[in-house]
Amino acid sequence: MLGVTTRSVQNYESGAIVPWRHLSNIETITRKRRGWLLREEDGKVNAIPSEATVATLLDTMEQHQQRLVDHLRILRRNTERMRKQRETIRTSRNAPPA
């Protein structure tokens, strides 16, 4: 009903992610108020992520960025190899017969 994956719903339910974009739709579907949706079991509002959560998120994002940089480097290297191979093939086709 929300148009999200099952995994996203699991993350919402476990409190791993606060579904800010979907809160209005969740309110409509569940007929529960936003405040009820954001409360933890002990009644505290879980609207602000903890410093540990933010730190973990930043660390994960930095790791992901590094992986993307590594993949980009590999793609550039492979593209250059293909370019050289293509040039070698062109050169060998244009070479006069021996």
C-alpha atoms as a PDB file:
ATOM      1  CA  MET A   1       0.000   0.000   0.000  1.00  0.00           C
ATOM      2  CA  LEU A   2       2.925   2.339   0.624  1.00  0.00           C
ATOM      3  CA  GLY A   3       4.774   1.398  -2.543  1.00  0.00           C
ATOM      4  CA  VAL A   4       7.917   0.388  -0.630  1.00  0.00           C
ATOM      5  CA  THR A   5       9.761  -2.908  -0.260  1.00  0.00           C
ATOM      6  CA  THR A   6       9.089  -5.422   2.477  1.00  0.00           C
ATOM      7  CA  ARG A   7      12.568  -4.716   3.809  1.00  0.00           C
ATOM      8  CA  SER A   8      11.694  -1.016   4.147  1.00  0.00           C
ATOM      9  CA  VAL A   9       8.600  -1.874   6.178  1.00  0.00           C
ATOM     10  CA  GLN A  10      10.697  -4.156   8.389  1.00  0.00           C
ATOM     11  CA  ASN A  11      13.140  -1.293   8.961  1.00  0.00           C
ATOM     12  CA  TYR A  12      10.241   1.034   9.838  1.00  0.00           C
ATOM     13  CA  GLU A  13       8.770  -1.491  12.254  1.00  0.00           C
ATOM     14  CA  SER A  14      12.087  -2.192  13.983  1.00  0.00           C
ATOM     15  CA  GLY A  15      12.812   1.513  14.369  1.00  0.00           C
ATOM     16  CA  ALA A  16      15.973   1.266  12.266  1.00  0.00           C
ATOM     17  CA  ILE A  17      14.567   3.922   9.931  1.00  0.00           C
ATOM     18  CA  VAL A  18      11.985   6.629  10.544  1.00  0.00           C
ATOM     19  CA  PRO A  19       9.803   6.777   7.398  1.00  0.00           C
ATOM     20  CA  TRP A  20       9.478  10.562   7.251  1.00  0.00           C
ATOM     21  CA  ARG A  21       8.351  10.582   3.591  1.00  0.00           C
ATOM     22  CA  HIS A  22       5.620   8.034   4.236  1.00  0.00           C
ATOM     23  CA  LEU A  23       4.277   9.157   7.614  1.00  0.00           C
ATOM     24  CA  SER A  24       1.110  10.697   6.182  1.00  0.00           C
ATOM     25  CA  ASN A  25       0.297   7.568   4.200  1.00  0.00           C
ATOM     26  CA  ILE A  26       1.066   5.327   7.178  1.00  0.00           C
ATOM     27  CA  GLU A  27      -1.260   7.452   9.326  1.00  0.00           C
ATOM     28  CA  THR A  28      -4.031   7.004   6.782  1.00  0.00           C
ATOM     29  CA  ILE A  29      -3.486   3.267   6.339  1.00  0.00           C
ATOM     30  CA  THR A  30      -3.152   2.431  10.049  1.00  0.00           C
ATOM     31  CA  ARG A  31      -5.567   5.097  11.277  1.00  0.00           C
ATOM     32  CA  LYS A  32      -3.004   5.975  13.934  1.00  0.00           C
ATOM     33  CA  ARG A  33      -1.662   9.429  14.733  1.00  0.00           C
ATOM     34  CA  ARG A  34       1.888  10.410  13.873  1.00  0.00           C
ATOM     35  CA  GLY A  35       2.819  10.680  17.550  1.00  0.00           C
ATOM     36  CA  TRP A  36       1.753   7.069  18.139  1.00  0.00           C
ATOM     37  CA  LEU A  37       3.838   5.937  15.178  1.00  0.00           C
ATOM     38  CA  LEU A  38       6.983   7.659  16.463  1.00  0.00           C
ATOM     39  CA  ARG A  39       6.795   6.422  20.058  1.00  0.00           C
ATOM     40  CA  GLU A  40       9.098   3.758  21.385  1.00  0.00           C
ATOM     41  CA  GLU A  41       7.770   1.006  23.633  1.00  0.00           C
ATOM     42  CA  ASP A  42       8.538   3.025  26.761  1.00  0.00           C
ATOM     43  CA  GLY A  43       6.461   5.930  25.470  1.00  0.00           C
ATOM     44  CA  LYS A  44       9.338   8.217  24.477  1.00  0.00           C
ATOM     45  CA  VAL A  45       9.096   9.929  21.107  1.00  0.00           C
ATOM     46  CA  ASN A  46      11.650   8.450  18.714  1.00  0.00           C
ATOM     47  CA  ALA A  47      11.714  11.424  16.347  1.00  0.00           C
ATOM     48  CA  ILE A  48      15.377  12.397  16.726  1.00  0.00           C
ATOM     49  CA  PRO A  49      18.070   9.842  15.910  1.00  0.00           C
ATOM     50  CA  SER A  50      20.710   9.300  18.574  1.00  0.00           C
ATOM     51  CA  GLU A  51      24.297  10.451  18.116  1.00  0.00           C
ATOM     52  CA  ALA A  52      25.337   6.803  17.812  1.00  0.00           C
ATOM     53  CA  THR A  53      22.818   6.279  15.002  1.00  0.00           C
ATOM     54  CA  VAL A  54      24.055   9.353  13.161  1.00  0.00           C
ATOM     55  CA  ALA A  55      27.682   8.316  13.653  1.00  0.00           C
ATOM     56  CA  THR A  56      26.927   4.834  12.325  1.00  0.00           C
ATOM     57  CA  LEU A  57      25.112   6.311   9.347  1.00  0.00           C
ATOM     58  CA  LEU A  58      28.010   8.648   8.546  1.00  0.00           C
ATOM     59  CA  ASP A  59      30.513   5.802   8.847  1.00  0.00           C
ATOM     60  CA  THR A  60      28.428   3.637   6.527  1.00  0.00           C
ATOM     61  CA  MET A  61      28.110   6.466   4.016  1.00  0.00           C
ATOM     62  CA  GLU A  62      31.878   7.036   4.052  1.00  0.00           C
ATOM     63  CA  GLN A  63      32.498   3.322   3.467  1.00  0.00           C
ATOM     64  CA  HIS A  64      29.998   3.339   0.613  1.00  0.00           C
ATOM     65  CA  GLN A  65      31.627   6.415  -0.908  1.00  0.00           C
ATOM     66  CA  GLN A  66      35.047   4.737  -0.764  1.00  0.00           C
ATOM     67  CA  ARG A  67      33.659   1.643  -2.486  1.00  0.00           C
ATOM     68  CA  LEU A  68      32.186   3.833  -5.214  1.00  0.00           C
ATOM     69  CA  VAL A  69      35.557   5.566  -5.690  1.00  0.00           C
ATOM     70  CA  ASP A  70      37.250   2.158  -5.919  1.00  0.00           C
ATOM     71  CA  HIS A  71      34.718   0.932  -8.480  1.00  0.00           C
ATOM     72  CA  LEU A  72      35.121   4.099 -10.523  1.00  0.00           C
ATOM     73  CA  ARG A  73      38.898   3.624 -10.557  1.00  0.00           C
ATOM     74  CA  ILE A  74      38.453   0.029 -11.794  1.00  0.00           C
ATOM     75  CA  LEU A  75      35.995   1.144 -14.479  1.00  0.00           C
ATOM     76  CA  ARG A  76      38.407   3.826 -15.712  1.00  0.00           C
ATOM     77  CA  ARG A  77      41.276   1.324 -15.817  1.00  0.00           C
ATOM     78  CA  ASN A  78      39.170  -1.211 -17.734  1.00  0.00           C
ATOM     79  CA  THR A  79      37.925   1.447 -20.137  1.00  0.00           C
ATOM     80  CA  GLU A  80      41.519   2.467 -20.882  1.00  0.00           C
ATOM     81  CA  ARG A  81      42.503  -1.178 -21.480  1.00  0.00           C
ATOM     82  CA  MET A  82      39.601  -1.627 -23.889  1.00  0.00           C
ATOM     83  CA  ARG A  83      40.571   1.570 -25.693  1.00  0.00           C
ATOM     84  CA  LYS A  84      44.139   0.292 -26.120  1.00  0.00           C
ATOM     85  CA  GLN A  85      42.918  -3.116 -27.321  1.00  0.00           C
ATOM     86  CA  ARG A  86      40.618  -1.463 -29.842  1.00  0.00           C
ATOM     87  CA  GLU A  87      43.479   0.694 -31.123  1.00  0.00           C
ATOM     88  CA  THR A  88      45.741  -2.381 -31.416  1.00  0.00           C
ATOM     89  CA  ILE A  89      43.085  -4.208 -33.452  1.00  0.00           C
ATOM     90  CA  ARG A  90      42.608  -1.184 -35.736  1.00  0.00           C
ATOM     91  CA  THR A  91      46.332  -0.846 -36.254  1.00  0.00           C
ATOM     92  CA  SER A  92      46.761  -4.545 -37.049  1.00  0.00           C
ATOM     93  CA  ARG A  93      43.914  -4.437 -39.615  1.00  0.00           C
ATOM     94  CA  ASN A  94      45.453  -1.451 -41.379  1.00  0.00           C
ATOM     95  CA  ALA A  95      48.981  -2.857 -41.420  1.00  0.00           C
ATOM     96  CA  PRO A  96      50.209  -3.925 -44.871  1.00  0.00           C
ATOM     97  CA  PRO A  97      50.471  -7.705 -45.361  1.00  0.00           C
ATOM     98  CA  ALA A  98      53.915  -9.171 -44.769  1.00  0.00           C
END
